[in-house]
Amino acid sequence: MKGEWISVAAEDGRAFAAYTSAPPKGSGPGLLVCHDVSGIGADMLALADLMAEEGYTVLMPDLLGRPDPRAELACIEAAGRALRQCPSFKGRVGIVGFGIGGRLAVTGAAACGADCAVSYYGEGIDSAIESIGKEGVATVLHFAEKDSLVPAEAIARISQRKDVELYVYRDVERGFASKDSPAYRKSAADMAYTRTLALLRKVLGPHFDLSALWERHRACEFELRDADATMRTMVEEPYVNHIPTMTGGFGQTDLHRFYKEHFIPKSPKDMRNIPVSRTVGADRVVNEGVLCFTHDVEIDWMLPGIPPTGRYVEVPIVGIITFRGDKLAHEHIYWDQASVLVQIGLLDPAGLPVAGIETAKKVLDPSRPSNALLTRRNALPHRARRKARPYR
């Protein structure tokens, strides 16, 4: 836990506790977080700290025990005032809620002066449809397909609204975004989080140049070749996963060792990347390129256990790089391992649906012929098509 608890006075004379967390940079826009019926547990505290890392001054009021909706709204209004009095607050305000808190995020947005609102599986939101987007509040709504507490008719009605973004996550139940819920589903939670952050960045900021941050990280890897400098560009618990070989590391210690012992010293000196495309989102960069190198060193992360062959390789490569605030959080790196193995002479492509350097050439020049493998397959004898020939 990185924040602190404070006491907030409500208009009914009853004080309530609130958890606050400040951004590492010292100041940032405000974000109210409203918990669900289970209250403020470890998962909600972790979320508050996570949003602070994203650059927000976070205040999460303890709303349990409020007897009626009027008292709840009074607390949200008081929480909004308290948020603006936080030393680290600077800018505009947003509100995010889960379950009952999801309904409060919608109904209380205007009361606390929020400029945007995000609701996760808002319980009772069907009775508050007229409050959605009130007074021009930009709104994103996340619903679970299998949520018995949110009628499908209500979702259908809301979907007709042109002033809100509505997302329904298939084959999940309410609670899919909460790690302490048995219904937690990481893939849906991650997608919803990115969509939430996209709204917050658009309306509130802060804005980070993710493309420049990625280039700074790559420079530490391939130009400075400095593991310590590389780790300073990353969050406290980052990870890297090279998907085809499952190499990388999780956490500062493990990943630092990987960079220092297996990645930086085991990458060919002539390794370079030809840029093909780059897409920048709210919290990630998708980078497509062609990786070129001479296999003159044992490349632990790409070809572990394979001695240098001296062969030249070009292979398409895609990285999905996710950021938290201005620090890199994790990388998913994909490439065609079969193409690499063909090019270094470890895989005979005859009779197999694989190709060598041609895959890279076609990425750089899409007009090159397509369907060569289909032509070759049709030319193979029937027996060769049924059973792949082993390579020796």
Protein backbone atom coordinates (compact mmCIF):
# COMPACT_ATOMS: atom_id res chain seq x y z
CA MET A 1 0.00 0.00 0.00
CA LYS A 2 1.44 3.35 -1.04
CA GLY A 3 -1.25 5.85 -0.02
CA GLU A 4 -2.83 6.96 3.24
CA TRP A 5 -6.19 7.14 4.95
CA ILE A 6 -7.87 10.46 5.70
CA SER A 7 -11.16 11.51 7.27
CA VAL A 8 -13.72 13.39 5.19
CA ALA A 9 -16.66 15.33 6.67
CA ALA A 10 -20.06 14.86 4.99
CA GLU A 11 -22.98 17.28 5.08
CA ASP A 12 -24.97 14.96 7.36
CA GLY A 13 -22.33 15.48 10.04
CA ARG A 14 -20.96 11.96 9.77
CA ALA A 15 -17.33 11.72 8.79
CA PHE A 16 -16.19 8.87 6.59
CA ALA A 17 -12.79 7.43 5.82
CA ALA A 18 -11.16 7.72 2.41
CA TYR A 19 -8.00 6.26 0.94
CA THR A 20 -5.79 8.61 -1.04
CA SER A 21 -2.83 7.91 -3.31
CA ALA A 22 -0.65 10.45 -5.10
CA PRO A 23 1.11 10.14 -8.47
CA PRO A 24 4.90 9.59 -8.52
CA LYS A 25 5.42 12.85 -10.43
CA GLY A 26 3.94 14.80 -7.51
CA SER A 27 0.69 16.05 -9.05
CA GLY A 28 -1.98 15.04 -11.50
CA PRO A 29 -5.70 15.11 -12.36
CA GLY A 30 -8.15 13.81 -9.78
CA LEU A 31 -9.89 10.43 -9.81
CA LEU A 32 -12.62 9.27 -7.45
CA VAL A 33 -12.90 5.48 -7.15
CA CYS A 34 -16.14 3.95 -5.82
CA HIS A 35 -15.97 0.40 -4.47
CA ASP A 36 -18.59 -2.32 -4.80
CA VAL A 37 -20.71 -3.86 -2.04
CA SER A 38 -17.76 -5.76 -0.59
CA GLY A 39 -16.07 -2.53 0.47
CA ILE A 40 -12.43 -1.48 0.28
CA GLY A 41 -10.31 -4.61 0.23
CA ALA A 42 -6.77 -5.31 -0.91
CA ASP A 43 -7.83 -5.41 -4.55
CA MET A 44 -9.43 -1.94 -4.43
CA LEU A 45 -6.43 -0.50 -2.59
CA ALA A 46 -4.14 -1.95 -5.27
CA LEU A 47 -6.33 -0.38 -7.96
CA ALA A 48 -6.11 3.03 -6.30
CA ASP A 49 -2.30 2.78 -6.20
CA LEU A 50 -2.26 1.57 -9.81
CA MET A 51 -4.24 4.60 -10.98
CA ALA A 52 -1.85 6.83 -9.04
CA GLU A 53 1.02 5.25 -11.01
CA GLU A 54 -0.90 6.20 -14.14
CA GLY A 55 -0.60 9.83 -13.07
CA TYR A 56 -3.80 10.50 -11.09
CA THR A 57 -4.46 11.89 -7.63
CA VAL A 58 -6.81 9.19 -6.33
CA LEU A 59 -9.38 9.37 -3.56
CA MET A 60 -11.51 6.33 -2.68
CA PRO A 61 -14.28 7.01 -0.11
CA ASP A 62 -15.53 4.25 2.18
CA LEU A 63 -19.24 4.29 1.33
CA LEU A 64 -20.38 1.28 3.36
CA GLY A 65 -23.16 2.04 5.85
CA ARG A 66 -24.76 4.95 4.01
CA PRO A 67 -28.50 4.42 4.49
CA ASP A 68 -29.93 5.74 1.22
CA PRO A 69 -28.99 7.09 -2.22
CA ARG A 70 -29.23 10.70 -0.99
CA ALA A 71 -26.60 10.00 1.69
CA GLU A 72 -24.43 8.24 -0.89
CA LEU A 73 -24.55 11.24 -3.22
CA ALA A 74 -23.72 13.56 -0.32
CA CYS A 75 -20.63 11.46 0.32
CA ILE A 76 -19.63 11.58 -3.35
CA GLU A 77 -20.03 15.36 -3.33
CA ALA A 78 -17.93 15.64 -0.15
CA ALA A 79 -15.33 13.27 -1.62
CA GLY A 80 -15.07 15.50 -4.67
CA ARG A 81 -14.34 18.50 -2.46
CA ALA A 82 -11.77 16.53 -0.46
CA LEU A 83 -10.10 15.36 -3.66
CA ARG A 84 -9.64 18.93 -4.86
CA GLN A 85 -8.02 19.80 -1.53
CA CYS A 86 -5.36 17.09 -1.90
CA PRO A 87 -1.89 18.70 -2.28
CA SER A 88 -1.19 16.57 -5.36
CA PHE A 89 -4.43 17.45 -7.18
CA LYS A 90 -4.02 19.47 -10.34
CA GLY A 91 -6.46 19.64 -13.26
CA ARG A 92 -9.83 18.00 -13.83
CA VAL A 93 -11.73 15.18 -12.13
CA GLY A 94 -13.02 11.77 -13.21
CA ILE A 95 -14.94 9.07 -11.37
CA VAL A 96 -14.75 5.27 -11.70
CA GLY A 97 -16.98 2.75 -9.91
CA PHE A 98 -17.70 -0.97 -9.61
CA GLY A 99 -21.03 -2.68 -8.90
CA ILE A 100 -23.02 -0.36 -6.66
CA GLY A 101 -20.11 2.03 -7.03
CA GLY A 102 -20.59 1.74 -10.78
CA ARG A 103 -24.08 3.15 -10.42
CA LEU A 104 -22.73 5.91 -8.15
CA ALA A 105 -20.11 6.81 -10.74
CA VAL A 106 -22.96 7.64 -13.12
CA THR A 107 -25.43 9.24 -10.69
CA GLY A 108 -22.77 11.10 -8.73
CA ALA A 109 -20.64 12.41 -11.59
CA ALA A 110 -22.43 15.74 -11.79
CA ALA A 111 -22.60 16.10 -8.00
CA CYS A 112 -18.83 15.84 -7.57
CA GLY A 113 -18.08 17.92 -10.67
CA ALA A 114 -16.55 15.07 -12.65
CA ASP A 115 -15.73 15.59 -16.31
CA CYS A 116 -15.91 11.87 -17.13
CA ALA A 117 -17.33 8.71 -15.57
CA VAL A 118 -16.62 5.00 -15.91
CA SER A 119 -18.98 2.31 -14.62
CA TYR A 120 -18.17 -1.39 -14.27
CA TYR A 121 -21.26 -3.64 -14.11
CA GLY A 122 -23.24 -0.89 -12.39
CA GLU A 123 -25.77 -2.56 -10.11
CA GLY A 124 -29.11 -0.75 -10.29
CA ILE A 125 -28.02 1.31 -13.27
CA ASP A 126 -31.30 0.42 -15.03
CA SER A 127 -33.02 2.87 -12.63
CA ALA A 128 -30.53 5.62 -13.40
CA ILE A 129 -30.38 5.62 -17.19
CA GLU A 130 -31.46 9.25 -17.33
CA SER A 131 -28.37 10.17 -15.26
CA ILE A 132 -25.92 8.74 -17.78
CA GLY A 133 -23.92 11.50 -19.44
CA LYS A 134 -25.75 14.17 -17.41
CA GLU A 135 -24.41 17.68 -17.94
CA GLY A 136 -22.12 16.50 -20.73
CA VAL A 137 -20.10 14.05 -18.63
CA ALA A 138 -18.17 11.74 -20.99
CA THR A 139 -19.08 8.18 -20.00
CA VAL A 140 -17.87 4.61 -20.56
CA LEU A 141 -19.92 1.65 -19.35
CA HIS A 142 -18.61 -1.91 -18.95
CA PHE A 143 -21.08 -4.79 -18.60
CA ALA A 144 -20.73 -8.55 -18.25
CA GLU A 145 -22.80 -10.62 -20.64
CA LYS A 146 -23.78 -13.00 -17.83
CA ASP A 147 -24.86 -10.38 -15.27
CA SER A 148 -28.19 -11.24 -13.70
CA LEU A 149 -28.31 -7.93 -11.80
CA VAL A 150 -28.26 -5.77 -14.95
CA PRO A 151 -31.27 -6.50 -17.18
CA ALA A 152 -30.53 -7.06 -20.86
CA GLU A 153 -33.33 -4.61 -21.67
CA ALA A 154 -31.47 -1.88 -19.78
CA ILE A 155 -28.29 -2.54 -21.75
CA ALA A 156 -30.32 -2.46 -24.96
CA ARG A 157 -31.82 0.91 -24.00
CA ILE A 158 -28.45 2.37 -23.09
CA SER A 159 -26.96 1.11 -26.34
CA GLN A 160 -29.28 3.47 -28.19
CA ARG A 161 -27.57 6.43 -26.57
CA LYS A 162 -25.10 8.21 -28.80
CA ASP A 163 -23.40 10.09 -25.96
CA VAL A 164 -21.88 7.08 -24.16
CA GLU A 165 -19.45 4.26 -24.94
CA LEU A 166 -20.90 0.89 -23.99
CA TYR A 167 -18.99 -2.41 -23.94
CA VAL A 168 -20.42 -5.85 -23.19
CA TYR A 169 -17.85 -8.57 -22.46
CA ARG A 170 -18.96 -11.95 -23.71
CA ASP A 171 -19.02 -15.09 -21.63
CA VAL A 172 -18.08 -13.35 -18.34
CA GLU A 173 -19.95 -12.60 -15.12
CA ARG A 174 -20.10 -9.47 -12.97
CA GLY A 175 -16.87 -9.05 -11.06
CA PHE A 176 -14.75 -9.96 -14.08
CA ALA A 177 -12.50 -6.93 -13.49
CA SER A 178 -11.83 -7.57 -9.78
CA LYS A 179 -8.90 -9.84 -8.96
CA ASP A 180 -10.41 -10.93 -5.65
CA SER A 181 -13.63 -12.07 -7.37
CA PRO A 182 -14.17 -15.71 -8.41
CA ALA A 183 -15.49 -14.29 -11.70
CA TYR A 184 -12.21 -12.52 -12.48
CA ARG A 185 -11.23 -12.86 -16.14
CA LYS A 186 -7.87 -11.29 -16.95
CA SER A 187 -8.39 -10.89 -20.69
CA ALA A 188 -11.68 -9.02 -20.25
CA ALA A 189 -10.33 -7.01 -17.31
CA ASP A 190 -7.28 -5.89 -19.30
CA MET A 191 -9.36 -4.85 -22.28
CA ALA A 192 -11.78 -2.90 -20.07
CA TYR A 193 -8.87 -1.24 -18.27
CA THR A 194 -7.36 0.00 -21.53
CA ARG A 195 -10.73 1.39 -22.63
CA THR A 196 -11.14 3.09 -19.25
CA LEU A 197 -7.70 4.61 -19.48
CA ALA A 198 -8.39 5.82 -23.02
CA LEU A 199 -11.31 7.91 -21.73
CA LEU A 200 -9.36 9.23 -18.75
CA ARG A 201 -6.39 10.21 -20.92
CA LYS A 202 -8.65 11.90 -23.48
CA VAL A 203 -10.63 13.94 -20.96
CA LEU A 204 -8.25 14.40 -18.03
CA GLY A 205 -4.73 13.63 -19.23
CA PRO A 206 -1.93 13.30 -18.31
CA HIS A 207 -0.51 12.63 -21.73
CA PHE A 208 2.72 10.69 -22.27
CA ASP A 209 4.69 10.28 -25.49
CA LEU A 210 4.65 6.48 -25.49
CA SER A 211 6.49 6.23 -28.80
CA ALA A 212 9.38 8.30 -27.42
CA LEU A 213 9.39 6.27 -24.20
CA TRP A 214 9.64 3.06 -26.22
CA GLU A 215 12.55 4.45 -28.25
CA ARG A 216 14.33 5.42 -25.03
CA HIS A 217 13.92 1.88 -23.71
CA ARG A 218 15.22 0.36 -26.95
CA ALA A 219 18.22 2.68 -26.92
CA CYS A 220 19.17 1.36 -23.48
CA GLU A 221 18.98 -2.19 -24.83
CA PHE A 222 20.67 -1.89 -28.23
CA GLU A 223 22.78 1.30 -28.11
CA LEU A 224 23.88 1.72 -24.50
CA ARG A 225 23.62 -2.04 -23.91
CA ASP A 226 23.09 -1.28 -20.24
CA ALA A 227 20.84 -3.55 -18.15
CA ASP A 228 20.62 -1.07 -15.26
CA ALA A 229 19.57 1.78 -17.55
CA THR A 230 17.05 -0.50 -19.25
CA MET A 231 15.43 -1.40 -15.93
CA ARG A 232 15.14 2.26 -14.95
CA THR A 233 12.70 2.73 -17.84
CA MET A 234 10.36 0.09 -16.35
CA VAL A 235 7.87 -0.22 -13.48
CA GLU A 236 8.66 -1.95 -10.18
CA GLU A 237 7.34 -5.33 -11.31
CA PRO A 238 7.70 -5.54 -15.10
CA TYR A 239 7.81 -8.57 -17.33
CA VAL A 240 8.97 -9.51 -20.80
CA ASN A 241 7.69 -12.53 -22.70
CA HIS A 242 9.23 -13.59 -26.02
CA ILE A 243 6.26 -15.74 -27.02
CA PRO A 244 7.85 -18.32 -29.40
CA THR A 245 10.61 -19.31 -26.95
CA MET A 246 8.98 -18.22 -23.65
CA THR A 247 12.16 -16.38 -22.67
CA GLY A 248 12.22 -13.17 -20.66
CA GLY A 249 11.59 -12.53 -17.00
CA PHE A 250 9.04 -11.46 -14.40
CA GLY A 251 9.88 -8.86 -11.75
CA GLN A 252 12.87 -6.58 -11.32
CA THR A 253 15.38 -9.21 -10.15
CA ASP A 254 14.49 -11.89 -12.69
CA LEU A 255 14.20 -9.50 -15.61
CA HIS A 256 17.40 -7.62 -14.74
CA ARG A 257 19.30 -10.90 -14.73
CA PHE A 258 17.78 -11.82 -18.09
CA TYR A 259 18.77 -8.50 -19.66
CA LYS A 260 22.28 -8.57 -18.19
CA GLU A 261 23.15 -12.21 -18.87
CA HIS A 262 20.98 -13.39 -21.76
CA PHE A 263 19.58 -10.51 -23.82
CA ILE A 264 22.03 -7.63 -24.10
CA PRO A 265 25.28 -9.65 -24.44
CA LYS A 266 23.60 -12.33 -26.57
CA SER A 267 22.20 -10.11 -29.31
CA PRO A 268 24.21 -9.85 -32.57
CA LYS A 269 26.13 -6.60 -32.94
CA ASP A 270 24.64 -5.97 -36.39
CA MET A 271 21.06 -6.51 -35.22
CA ARG A 272 18.75 -3.84 -36.58
CA ASN A 273 15.02 -3.36 -37.00
CA ILE A 274 13.41 -2.05 -40.18
CA PRO A 275 10.22 -0.21 -39.09
CA VAL A 276 7.01 -1.28 -40.82
CA SER A 277 4.24 0.20 -38.69
CA ARG A 278 3.56 1.60 -35.25
CA THR A 279 0.21 2.03 -33.52
CA VAL A 280 0.04 4.08 -30.33
CA GLY A 281 -2.90 3.68 -27.95
CA ALA A 282 -3.82 4.93 -24.50
CA ASP A 283 -1.42 2.62 -22.67
CA ARG A 284 0.48 0.66 -25.30
CA VAL A 285 2.49 0.68 -28.49
CA VAL A 286 2.15 -2.01 -31.15
CA ASN A 287 5.36 -2.08 -33.12
CA GLU A 288 5.76 -4.04 -36.35
CA GLY A 289 9.09 -4.42 -38.08
CA VAL A 290 11.58 -6.70 -39.78
CA LEU A 291 14.44 -7.85 -37.56
CA CYS A 292 17.74 -8.31 -39.40
CA PHE A 293 20.89 -9.91 -37.99
CA THR A 294 23.77 -12.28 -38.57
CA HIS A 295 23.65 -15.36 -36.38
CA ASP A 296 27.19 -14.83 -35.08
CA VAL A 297 26.45 -15.39 -31.39
CA GLU A 298 24.24 -17.84 -29.49
CA ILE A 299 21.04 -15.82 -29.16
CA ASP A 300 19.72 -17.03 -25.80
CA TRP A 301 16.37 -15.30 -26.11
CA MET A 302 15.59 -16.34 -29.72
CA LEU A 303 17.65 -19.47 -30.41
CA PRO A 304 18.63 -20.85 -26.99
CA GLY A 305 21.13 -23.71 -27.16
CA ILE A 306 21.85 -23.22 -30.87
CA PRO A 307 25.52 -22.42 -31.67
CA PRO A 308 26.18 -19.58 -34.13
CA THR A 309 25.73 -20.60 -37.75
CA GLY A 310 27.03 -17.38 -39.30
CA ARG A 311 23.89 -17.13 -41.44
CA TYR A 312 22.03 -13.90 -42.16
CA VAL A 313 18.38 -13.69 -41.05
CA GLU A 314 15.46 -11.39 -41.73
CA VAL A 315 12.22 -12.09 -39.86
CA PRO A 316 9.00 -10.11 -39.28
CA ILE A 317 8.59 -9.22 -35.61
CA VAL A 318 5.73 -7.65 -33.64
CA GLY A 319 5.90 -6.21 -30.14
CA ILE A 320 3.00 -5.19 -27.92
CA ILE A 321 4.51 -2.85 -25.35
CA THR A 322 2.35 -1.73 -22.44
CA PHE A 323 3.06 1.29 -20.24
CA ARG A 324 1.95 2.40 -16.80
CA GLY A 325 2.27 6.15 -16.65
CA ASP A 326 5.66 6.96 -18.16
CA LYS A 327 7.23 3.57 -17.35
CA LEU A 328 7.20 0.41 -19.43
CA ALA A 329 5.17 -2.34 -17.74
CA HIS A 330 5.52 -5.34 -20.03
CA GLU A 331 6.32 -6.59 -23.51
CA HIS A 332 4.83 -9.39 -25.59
CA ILE A 333 7.13 -10.12 -28.54
CA TYR A 334 6.08 -12.34 -31.46
CA TRP A 335 7.97 -13.64 -34.49
CA ASP A 336 7.81 -16.60 -36.89
CA GLN A 337 10.23 -19.10 -35.36
CA ALA A 338 9.85 -21.50 -38.27
CA SER A 339 11.13 -18.83 -40.65
CA VAL A 340 14.19 -18.27 -38.44
CA LEU A 341 14.92 -22.02 -38.28
CA VAL A 342 14.65 -22.31 -42.06
CA GLN A 343 17.10 -19.44 -42.56
CA ILE A 344 19.76 -20.83 -40.22
CA GLY A 345 19.47 -24.31 -41.78
CA LEU A 346 17.78 -26.19 -38.93
CA LEU A 347 14.45 -26.74 -40.67
CA ASP A 348 13.93 -28.07 -44.20
CA PRO A 349 10.88 -26.29 -45.65
CA ALA A 350 10.25 -29.01 -48.23
CA GLY A 351 6.76 -30.38 -47.76
CA LEU A 352 5.99 -28.00 -44.87
CA PRO A 353 3.78 -24.89 -44.87
CA VAL A 354 6.68 -22.62 -43.86
CA ALA A 355 8.97 -20.15 -45.61
CA GLY A 356 12.30 -18.49 -44.94
CA ILE A 357 13.44 -14.96 -45.69
CA GLU A 358 10.54 -14.63 -48.16
CA THR A 359 8.21 -13.82 -45.24
CA ALA A 360 10.25 -10.72 -44.42
CA LYS A 361 10.57 -9.71 -48.06
CA LYS A 362 6.81 -9.82 -48.53
CA VAL A 363 6.18 -7.71 -45.41
CA LEU A 364 8.44 -5.03 -46.91
CA ASP A 365 6.96 -5.46 -50.39
CA PRO A 366 3.31 -6.67 -50.26
CA SER A 367 3.20 -6.86 -54.07
CA ARG A 368 5.46 -9.92 -54.08
CA PRO A 369 3.63 -13.10 -55.17
CA SER A 370 1.19 -14.70 -52.75
CA ASN A 371 0.13 -18.34 -52.38
CA ALA A 372 3.45 -19.90 -53.37
CA LEU A 373 2.89 -22.58 -50.74
CA LEU A 374 -0.52 -23.39 -52.25
CA THR A 375 1.08 -23.82 -55.67
CA ARG A 376 3.80 -26.03 -54.25
CA ARG A 377 1.30 -28.11 -52.30
CA ASN A 378 -0.77 -28.80 -55.39
CA ALA A 379 2.38 -29.90 -57.21
CA LEU A 380 3.39 -32.40 -54.51
CA PRO A 381 2.56 -36.08 -54.91
CA HIS A 382 -0.48 -37.24 -52.91
CA ARG A 383 1.69 -39.16 -50.43
CA ALA A 384 3.88 -36.12 -49.69
CA ARG A 385 0.80 -34.06 -48.94
CA ARG A 386 -0.44 -36.63 -46.43
CA LYS A 387 2.75 -37.07 -44.43
CA ALA A 388 5.48 -34.52 -43.81
CA ARG A 389 8.99 -35.68 -44.68
CA PRO A 390 11.37 -35.59 -41.65
CA TYR A 391 14.42 -33.38 -42.04
CA ARG A 392 17.87 -34.90 -41.62
